[in-house]
Amino acid sequence: MKYLLLLIVLALVFYMLGRKRQPPPAQPPASSAPPPVSRGQTMVACAHCGLHLPEQESLPGRGGAFCSTEHRAAYEAAHARP
């Protein structure tokens, strides 16, 4: 019985020593710089209806930016100078 217990203890010791010799799992290197942040588009509101749209897609007019030619014409007709 003593020898069986001694054998189990020795097997456990050798098992633990064998686990410590294995290299730890590889981890990806931690980068010091955060990932680049992409900048969003500048949004503008249509001066006639208030719809928000990207500045590149808006139509410029006398009253600001517009979402369509119809809204630009309607705004300019409503706000025409006498």
PDB file of N, CA and C in Angstrom:
ATOM      1  N   MET A   1       0.827  -1.190   0.000  1.00  0.00           N
ATOM      2  CA  MET A   1       0.000   0.000   0.000  1.00  0.00           C
ATOM      3  C   MET A   1       0.872   1.255   0.000  1.00  0.00           C
ATOM      4  N   LYS A   2       1.997   1.205   0.789  1.00  0.00           N
ATOM      5  CA  LYS A   2       2.895   2.348   0.820  1.00  0.00           C
ATOM      6  C   LYS A   2       3.505   2.594  -0.550  1.00  0.00           C
ATOM      7  N   TYR A   3       3.860   1.524  -1.204  1.00  0.00           N
ATOM      8  CA  TYR A   3       4.509   1.662  -2.506  1.00  0.00           C
ATOM      9  C   TYR A   3       3.546   2.224  -3.563  1.00  0.00           C
ATOM     10  N   LEU A   4       2.298   1.871  -3.461  1.00  0.00           N
ATOM     11  CA  LEU A   4       1.299   2.396  -4.396  1.00  0.00           C
ATOM     12  C   LEU A   4       1.127   3.905  -4.193  1.00  0.00           C
ATOM     13  N   LEU A   5       1.067   4.336  -2.943  1.00  0.00           N
ATOM     14  CA  LEU A   5       0.946   5.759  -2.641  1.00  0.00           C
ATOM     15  C   LEU A   5       2.193   6.517  -3.097  1.00  0.00           C
ATOM     16  N   LEU A   6       3.369   5.945  -2.877  1.00  0.00           N
ATOM     17  CA  LEU A   6       4.618   6.553  -3.323  1.00  0.00           C
ATOM     18  C   LEU A   6       4.662   6.643  -4.845  1.00  0.00           C
ATOM     19  N   LEU A   7       4.200   5.628  -5.516  1.00  0.00           N
ATOM     20  CA  LEU A   7       4.166   5.622  -6.979  1.00  0.00           C
ATOM     21  C   LEU A   7       3.227   6.704  -7.505  1.00  0.00           C
ATOM     22  N   ILE A   8       2.085   6.882  -6.870  1.00  0.00           N
ATOM     23  CA  ILE A   8       1.128   7.913  -7.288  1.00  0.00           C
ATOM     24  C   ILE A   8       1.717   9.308  -7.081  1.00  0.00           C
ATOM     25  N   VAL A   9       2.378   9.523  -5.951  1.00  0.00           N
ATOM     26  CA  VAL A   9       2.990  10.818  -5.665  1.00  0.00           C
ATOM     27  C   VAL A   9       4.097  11.109  -6.675  1.00  0.00           C
ATOM     28  N   LEU A  10       4.936  10.144  -6.981  1.00  0.00           N
ATOM     29  CA  LEU A  10       6.007  10.346  -7.963  1.00  0.00           C
ATOM     30  C   LEU A  10       5.440  10.624  -9.359  1.00  0.00           C
ATOM     31  N   ALA A  11       4.397   9.917  -9.715  1.00  0.00           N
ATOM     32  CA  ALA A  11       3.769  10.151 -11.022  1.00  0.00           C
ATOM     33  C   ALA A  11       3.203  11.566 -11.090  1.00  0.00           C
ATOM     34  N   LEU A  12       2.623  12.035 -10.010  1.00  0.00           N
ATOM     35  CA  LEU A  12       2.081  13.385  -9.966  1.00  0.00           C
ATOM     36  C   LEU A  12       3.184  14.433 -10.055  1.00  0.00           C
ATOM     37  N   VAL A  13       4.309  14.190  -9.399  1.00  0.00           N
ATOM     38  CA  VAL A  13       5.448  15.116  -9.454  1.00  0.00           C
ATOM     39  C   VAL A  13       5.992  15.188 -10.875  1.00  0.00           C
ATOM     40  N   PHE A  14       6.194  14.050 -11.508  1.00  0.00           N
ATOM     41  CA  PHE A  14       6.717  14.045 -12.876  1.00  0.00           C
ATOM     42  C   PHE A  14       5.725  14.682 -13.854  1.00  0.00           C
ATOM     43  N   TYR A  15       4.466  14.483 -13.608  1.00  0.00           N
ATOM     44  CA  TYR A  15       3.441  15.106 -14.469  1.00  0.00           C
ATOM     45  C   TYR A  15       3.513  16.632 -14.355  1.00  0.00           C
ATOM     46  N   MET A  16       3.624  17.147 -13.138  1.00  0.00           N
ATOM     47  CA  MET A  16       3.683  18.594 -12.932  1.00  0.00           C
ATOM     48  C   MET A  16       4.974  19.184 -13.523  1.00  0.00           C
ATOM     49  N   LEU A  17       6.097  18.475 -13.382  1.00  0.00           N
ATOM     50  CA  LEU A  17       7.350  18.957 -13.962  1.00  0.00           C
ATOM     51  C   LEU A  17       7.270  18.976 -15.489  1.00  0.00           C
ATOM     52  N   GLY A  18       6.624  18.015 -16.051  1.00  0.00           N
ATOM     53  CA  GLY A  18       6.478  17.955 -17.513  1.00  0.00           C
ATOM     54  C   GLY A  18       5.612  19.097 -18.042  1.00  0.00           C
ATOM     55  N   ARG A  19       4.615  19.490 -17.286  1.00  0.00           N
ATOM     56  CA  ARG A  19       3.745  20.588 -17.726  1.00  0.00           C
ATOM     57  C   ARG A  19       4.473  21.914 -17.669  1.00  0.00           C
ATOM     58  N   LYS A  20       5.351  22.099 -16.700  1.00  0.00           N
ATOM     59  CA  LYS A  20       6.064  23.374 -16.564  1.00  0.00           C
ATOM     60  C   LYS A  20       7.087  23.569 -17.674  1.00  0.00           C
ATOM     61  N   ARG A  21       7.593  22.507 -18.247  1.00  0.00           N
ATOM     62  CA  ARG A  21       8.601  22.614 -19.303  1.00  0.00           C
ATOM     63  C   ARG A  21       8.003  22.990 -20.649  1.00  0.00           C
ATOM     64  N   GLN A  22       6.725  22.781 -20.840  1.00  0.00           N
ATOM     65  CA  GLN A  22       6.093  23.138 -22.110  1.00  0.00           C
ATOM     66  C   GLN A  22       5.992  24.649 -22.204  1.00  0.00           C
ATOM     67  N   PRO A  23       6.301  25.216 -23.379  1.00  0.00           N
ATOM     68  CA  PRO A  23       6.208  26.672 -23.524  1.00  0.00           C
ATOM     69  C   PRO A  23       4.752  27.116 -23.457  1.00  0.00           C
ATOM     70  N   PRO A  24       4.519  28.314 -22.951  1.00  0.00           N
ATOM     71  CA  PRO A  24       3.143  28.811 -22.887  1.00  0.00           C
ATOM     72  C   PRO A  24       2.609  29.052 -24.295  1.00  0.00           C
ATOM     73  N   PRO A  25       1.300  29.046 -24.459  1.00  0.00           N
ATOM     74  CA  PRO A  25       0.737  29.283 -25.792  1.00  0.00           C
ATOM     75  C   PRO A  25       1.139  30.668 -26.289  1.00  0.00           C
ATOM     76  N   ALA A  26       1.433  30.740 -27.565  1.00  0.00           N
ATOM     77  CA  ALA A  26       1.887  32.002 -28.168  1.00  0.00           C
ATOM     78  C   ALA A  26       0.756  33.017 -28.177  1.00  0.00           C
ATOM     79  N   GLN A  27       1.093  34.234 -27.760  1.00  0.00           N
ATOM     80  CA  GLN A  27       0.122  35.322 -27.773  1.00  0.00           C
ATOM     81  C   GLN A  27       0.577  36.343 -28.798  1.00  0.00           C
ATOM     82  N   PRO A  28      -0.352  36.965 -29.501  1.00  0.00           N
ATOM     83  CA  PRO A  28       0.061  37.972 -30.465  1.00  0.00           C
ATOM     84  C   PRO A  28       0.702  39.154 -29.746  1.00  0.00           C
ATOM     85  N   PRO A  29       1.706  39.766 -30.355  1.00  0.00           N
ATOM     86  CA  PRO A  29       2.363  40.893 -29.688  1.00  0.00           C
ATOM     87  C   PRO A  29       1.395  42.055 -29.527  1.00  0.00           C
ATOM     88  N   ALA A  30       1.437  42.652 -28.354  1.00  0.00           N
ATOM     89  CA  ALA A  30       0.551  43.789 -28.082  1.00  0.00           C
ATOM     90  C   ALA A  30       1.160  45.033 -28.718  1.00  0.00           C
ATOM     91  N   SER A  31       0.403  45.682 -29.556  1.00  0.00           N
ATOM     92  CA  SER A  31       0.906  46.895 -30.192  1.00  0.00           C
ATOM     93  C   SER A  31       0.715  48.066 -29.240  1.00  0.00           C
ATOM     94  N   SER A  32       1.683  48.952 -29.228  1.00  0.00           N
ATOM     95  CA  SER A  32       1.607  50.085 -28.317  1.00  0.00           C
ATOM     96  C   SER A  32       0.685  51.172 -28.850  1.00  0.00           C
ATOM     97  N   ALA A  33       0.510  51.248 -30.151  1.00  0.00           N
ATOM     98  CA  ALA A  33      -0.345  52.284 -30.734  1.00  0.00           C
ATOM     99  C   ALA A  33      -1.755  51.735 -30.935  1.00  0.00           C
ATOM    100  N   PRO A  34      -2.782  52.522 -30.625  1.00  0.00           N
ATOM    101  CA  PRO A  34      -4.153  52.067 -30.870  1.00  0.00           C
ATOM    102  C   PRO A  34      -4.431  52.041 -32.372  1.00  0.00           C
ATOM    103  N   PRO A  35      -5.407  51.259 -32.798  1.00  0.00           N
ATOM    104  CA  PRO A  35      -5.719  51.210 -34.230  1.00  0.00           C
ATOM    105  C   PRO A  35      -6.191  52.579 -34.707  1.00  0.00           C
ATOM    106  N   PRO A  36      -5.935  52.907 -35.960  1.00  0.00           N
ATOM    107  CA  PRO A  36      -6.337  54.220 -36.461  1.00  0.00           C
ATOM    108  C   PRO A  36      -7.857  54.368 -36.471  1.00  0.00           C
ATOM    109  N   VAL A  37      -8.298  55.553 -36.152  1.00  0.00           N
ATOM    110  CA  VAL A  37      -9.718  55.846 -36.106  1.00  0.00           C
ATOM    111  C   VAL A  37     -10.125  56.463 -37.443  1.00  0.00           C
ATOM    112  N   SER A  38     -11.124  55.880 -38.067  1.00  0.00           N
ATOM    113  CA  SER A  38     -11.580  56.446 -39.334  1.00  0.00           C
ATOM    114  C   SER A  38     -12.517  57.617 -39.046  1.00  0.00           C
ATOM    115  N   ARG A  39     -12.315  58.666 -39.762  1.00  0.00           N
ATOM    116  CA  ARG A  39     -13.131  59.862 -39.581  1.00  0.00           C
ATOM    117  C   ARG A  39     -14.403  59.718 -40.413  1.00  0.00           C
ATOM    118  N   GLY A  40     -15.502  60.133 -39.830  1.00  0.00           N
ATOM    119  CA  GLY A  40     -16.774  60.072 -40.526  1.00  0.00           C
ATOM    120  C   GLY A  40     -16.912  61.228 -41.502  1.00  0.00           C
ATOM    121  N   GLN A  41     -17.994  61.232 -42.213  1.00  0.00           N
ATOM    122  CA  GLN A  41     -18.256  62.294 -43.171  1.00  0.00           C
ATOM    123  C   GLN A  41     -18.929  63.456 -42.464  1.00  0.00           C
ATOM    124  N   THR A  42     -18.709  64.645 -42.994  1.00  0.00           N
ATOM    125  CA  THR A  42     -19.372  65.825 -42.462  1.00  0.00           C
ATOM    126  C   THR A  42     -20.812  65.818 -42.974  1.00  0.00           C
ATOM    127  N   MET A  43     -21.753  65.950 -42.045  1.00  0.00           N
ATOM    128  CA  MET A  43     -23.167  65.933 -42.404  1.00  0.00           C
ATOM    129  C   MET A  43     -23.710  67.355 -42.374  1.00  0.00           C
ATOM    130  N   VAL A  44     -24.602  67.651 -43.309  1.00  0.00           N
ATOM    131  CA  VAL A  44     -25.270  68.954 -43.351  1.00  0.00           C
ATOM    132  C   VAL A  44     -26.767  68.705 -43.438  1.00  0.00           C
ATOM    133  N   ALA A  45     -27.538  69.698 -43.011  1.00  0.00           N
ATOM    134  CA  ALA A  45     -28.999  69.590 -43.061  1.00  0.00           C
ATOM    135  C   ALA A  45     -29.509  70.382 -44.260  1.00  0.00           C
ATOM    136  N   CYS A  46     -30.494  69.834 -44.939  1.00  0.00           N
ATOM    137  CA  CYS A  46     -31.142  70.540 -46.042  1.00  0.00           C
ATOM    138  C   CYS A  46     -31.842  71.777 -45.463  1.00  0.00           C
ATOM    139  N   ALA A  47     -31.618  72.928 -46.093  1.00  0.00           N
ATOM    140  CA  ALA A  47     -32.202  74.174 -45.593  1.00  0.00           C
ATOM    141  C   ALA A  47     -33.721  74.193 -45.774  1.00  0.00           C
ATOM    142  N   HIS A  48     -34.262  73.356 -46.651  1.00  0.00           N
ATOM    143  CA  HIS A  48     -35.711  73.345 -46.904  1.00  0.00           C
ATOM    144  C   HIS A  48     -36.447  72.342 -46.005  1.00  0.00           C
ATOM    145  N   CYS A  49     -35.975  71.090 -45.973  1.00  0.00           N
ATOM    146  CA  CYS A  49     -36.709  70.053 -45.230  1.00  0.00           C
ATOM    147  C   CYS A  49     -36.000  69.567 -43.975  1.00  0.00           C
ATOM    148  N   GLY A  50     -34.726  69.885 -43.797  1.00  0.00           N
ATOM    149  CA  GLY A  50     -34.002  69.478 -42.600  1.00  0.00           C
ATOM    150  C   GLY A  50     -33.372  68.103 -42.674  1.00  0.00           C
ATOM    151  N   LEU A  51     -33.456  67.444 -43.819  1.00  0.00           N
ATOM    152  CA  LEU A  51     -32.862  66.122 -43.994  1.00  0.00           C
ATOM    153  C   LEU A  51     -31.348  66.220 -43.872  1.00  0.00           C
ATOM    154  N   HIS A  52     -30.737  65.318 -43.099  1.00  0.00           N
ATOM    155  CA  HIS A  52     -29.285  65.299 -42.972  1.00  0.00           C
ATOM    156  C   HIS A  52     -28.703  64.398 -44.041  1.00  0.00           C
ATOM    157  N   LEU A  53     -27.667  64.894 -44.716  1.00  0.00           N
ATOM    158  CA  LEU A  53     -27.013  64.134 -45.755  1.00  0.00           C
ATOM    159  C   LEU A  53     -25.540  64.514 -45.773  1.00  0.00           C
ATOM    160  N   PRO A  54     -24.684  63.643 -46.361  1.00  0.00           N
ATOM    161  CA  PRO A  54     -23.257  63.964 -46.428  1.00  0.00           C
ATOM    162  C   PRO A  54     -23.020  65.239 -47.233  1.00  0.00           C
ATOM    163  N   GLU A  55     -22.032  66.007 -46.825  1.00  0.00           N
ATOM    164  CA  GLU A  55     -21.753  67.285 -47.482  1.00  0.00           C
ATOM    165  C   GLU A  55     -21.394  67.082 -48.957  1.00  0.00           C
ATOM    166  N   GLN A  56     -20.733  65.974 -49.298  1.00  0.00           N
ATOM    167  CA  GLN A  56     -20.357  65.718 -50.685  1.00  0.00           C
ATOM    168  C   GLN A  56     -21.581  65.494 -51.576  1.00  0.00           C
ATOM    169  N   GLU A  57     -22.685  65.048 -51.009  1.00  0.00           N
ATOM    170  CA  GLU A  57     -23.890  64.770 -51.803  1.00  0.00           C
ATOM    171  C   GLU A  57     -24.866  65.945 -51.824  1.00  0.00           C
ATOM    172  N   SER A  58     -24.599  66.971 -51.054  1.00  0.00           N
ATOM    173  CA  SER A  58     -25.530  68.097 -50.984  1.00  0.00           C
ATOM    174  C   SER A  58     -25.333  69.038 -52.167  1.00  0.00           C
ATOM    175  N   LEU A  59     -26.373  69.817 -52.439  1.00  0.00           N
ATOM    176  CA  LEU A  59     -26.326  70.821 -53.513  1.00  0.00           C
ATOM    177  C   LEU A  59     -26.250  72.201 -52.869  1.00  0.00           C
ATOM    178  N   PRO A  60     -25.236  72.984 -53.220  1.00  0.00           N
ATOM    179  CA  PRO A  60     -25.147  74.317 -52.627  1.00  0.00           C
ATOM    180  C   PRO A  60     -26.170  75.259 -53.262  1.00  0.00           C
ATOM    181  N   GLY A  61     -26.617  76.201 -52.471  1.00  0.00           N
ATOM    182  CA  GLY A  61     -27.567  77.199 -52.957  1.00  0.00           C
ATOM    183  C   GLY A  61     -27.408  78.489 -52.184  1.00  0.00           C
ATOM    184  N   ARG A  62     -28.261  79.473 -52.470  1.00  0.00           N
ATOM    185  CA  ARG A  62     -28.161  80.763 -51.785  1.00  0.00           C
ATOM    186  C   ARG A  62     -28.525  80.661 -50.312  1.00  0.00           C
ATOM    187  N   GLY A  63     -29.341  79.704 -49.941  1.00  0.00           N
ATOM    188  CA  GLY A  63     -29.768  79.593 -48.546  1.00  0.00           C
ATOM    189  C   GLY A  63     -29.029  78.539 -47.757  1.00  0.00           C
ATOM    190  N   GLY A  64     -28.079  77.861 -48.352  1.00  0.00           N
ATOM    191  CA  GLY A  64     -27.333  76.811 -47.659  1.00  0.00           C
ATOM    192  C   GLY A  64     -27.202  75.578 -48.520  1.00  0.00           C
ATOM    193  N   ALA A  65     -27.258  74.431 -47.897  1.00  0.00           N
ATOM    194  CA  ALA A  65     -27.137  73.156 -48.606  1.00  0.00           C
ATOM    195  C   ALA A  65     -28.532  72.536 -48.751  1.00  0.00           C
ATOM    196  N   PHE A  66     -28.723  71.838 -49.869  1.00  0.00           N
ATOM    197  CA  PHE A  66     -30.036  71.242 -50.167  1.00  0.00           C
ATOM    198  C   PHE A  66     -29.869  69.793 -50.580  1.00  0.00           C
ATOM    199  N   CYS A  67     -30.946  69.014 -50.385  1.00  0.00           N
ATOM    200  CA  CYS A  67     -30.901  67.587 -50.717  1.00  0.00           C
ATOM    201  C   CYS A  67     -31.293  67.318 -52.169  1.00  0.00           C
ATOM    202  N   SER A  68     -31.983  68.245 -52.819  1.00  0.00           N
ATOM    203  CA  SER A  68     -32.371  68.046 -54.215  1.00  0.00           C
ATOM    204  C   SER A  68     -32.543  69.396 -54.896  1.00  0.00           C
ATOM    205  N   THR A  69     -32.600  69.354 -56.219  1.00  0.00           N
ATOM    206  CA  THR A  69     -32.786  70.603 -56.975  1.00  0.00           C
ATOM    207  C   THR A  69     -34.173  71.183 -56.728  1.00  0.00           C
ATOM    208  N   GLU A  70     -35.168  70.323 -56.491  1.00  0.00           N
ATOM    209  CA  GLU A  70     -36.519  70.799 -56.229  1.00  0.00           C
ATOM    210  C   GLU A  70     -36.570  71.584 -54.909  1.00  0.00           C
ATOM    211  N   HIS A  71     -35.900  71.080 -53.899  1.00  0.00           N
ATOM    212  CA  HIS A  71     -35.888  71.779 -52.611  1.00  0.00           C
ATOM    213  C   HIS A  71     -35.100  73.079 -52.709  1.00  0.00           C
ATOM    214  N   ARG A  72     -34.031  73.092 -53.492  1.00  0.00           N
ATOM    215  CA  ARG A  72     -33.276  74.322 -53.667  1.00  0.00           C
ATOM    216  C   ARG A  72     -34.131  75.369 -54.375  1.00  0.00           C
ATOM    217  N   ALA A  73     -34.851  74.951 -55.429  1.00  0.00           N
ATOM    218  CA  ALA A  73     -35.711  75.886 -56.167  1.00  0.00           C
ATOM    219  C   ALA A  73     -36.870  76.369 -55.287  1.00  0.00           C
ATOM    220  N   ALA A  74     -37.474  75.478 -54.504  1.00  0.00           N
ATOM    221  CA  ALA A  74     -38.589  75.861 -53.646  1.00  0.00           C
ATOM    222  C   ALA A  74     -38.124  76.847 -52.566  1.00  0.00           C
ATOM    223  N   TYR A  75     -36.978  76.607 -51.981  1.00  0.00           N
ATOM    224  CA  TYR A  75     -36.454  77.498 -50.939  1.00  0.00           C
ATOM    225  C   TYR A  75     -36.116  78.869 -51.535  1.00  0.00           C
ATOM    226  N   GLU A  76     -35.461  78.876 -52.677  1.00  0.00           N
ATOM    227  CA  GLU A  76     -35.088  80.135 -53.290  1.00  0.00           C
ATOM    228  C   GLU A  76     -36.295  80.915 -53.785  1.00  0.00           C
ATOM    229  N   ALA A  77     -37.353  80.221 -54.208  1.00  0.00           N
ATOM    230  CA  ALA A  77     -38.586  80.911 -54.621  1.00  0.00           C
ATOM    231  C   ALA A  77     -39.296  81.499 -53.406  1.00  0.00           C
ATOM    232  N   ALA A  78     -39.282  80.772 -52.281  1.00  0.00           N
ATOM    233  CA  ALA A  78     -39.960  81.254 -51.073  1.00  0.00           C
ATOM    234  C   ALA A  78     -39.194  82.387 -50.412  1.00  0.00           C
ATOM    235  N   HIS A  79     -37.901  82.414 -50.594  1.00  0.00           N
ATOM    236  CA  HIS A  79     -37.061  83.435 -49.974  1.00  0.00           C
ATOM    237  C   HIS A  79     -36.435  84.375 -51.017  1.00  0.00           C
ATOM    238  N   ALA A  80     -37.170  84.616 -52.078  1.00  0.00           N
ATOM    239  CA  ALA A  80     -36.662  85.502 -53.146  1.00  0.00           C
ATOM    240  C   ALA A  80     -36.592  86.928 -52.647  1.00  0.00           C
ATOM    241  N   ARG A  81     -35.559  87.635 -53.084  1.00  0.00           N
ATOM    242  CA  ARG A  81     -35.416  89.030 -52.720  1.00  0.00           C
ATOM    243  C   ARG A  81     -36.256  89.876 -53.661  1.00  0.00           C
ATOM    244  N   PRO A  82     -36.975  90.842 -53.138  1.00  0.00           N
ATOM    245  CA  PRO A  82     -37.830  91.676 -54.025  1.00  0.00           C
ATOM    246  C   PRO A  82     -37.038  92.643 -54.868  1.00  0.00           C
TER     247      PRO A  82
END
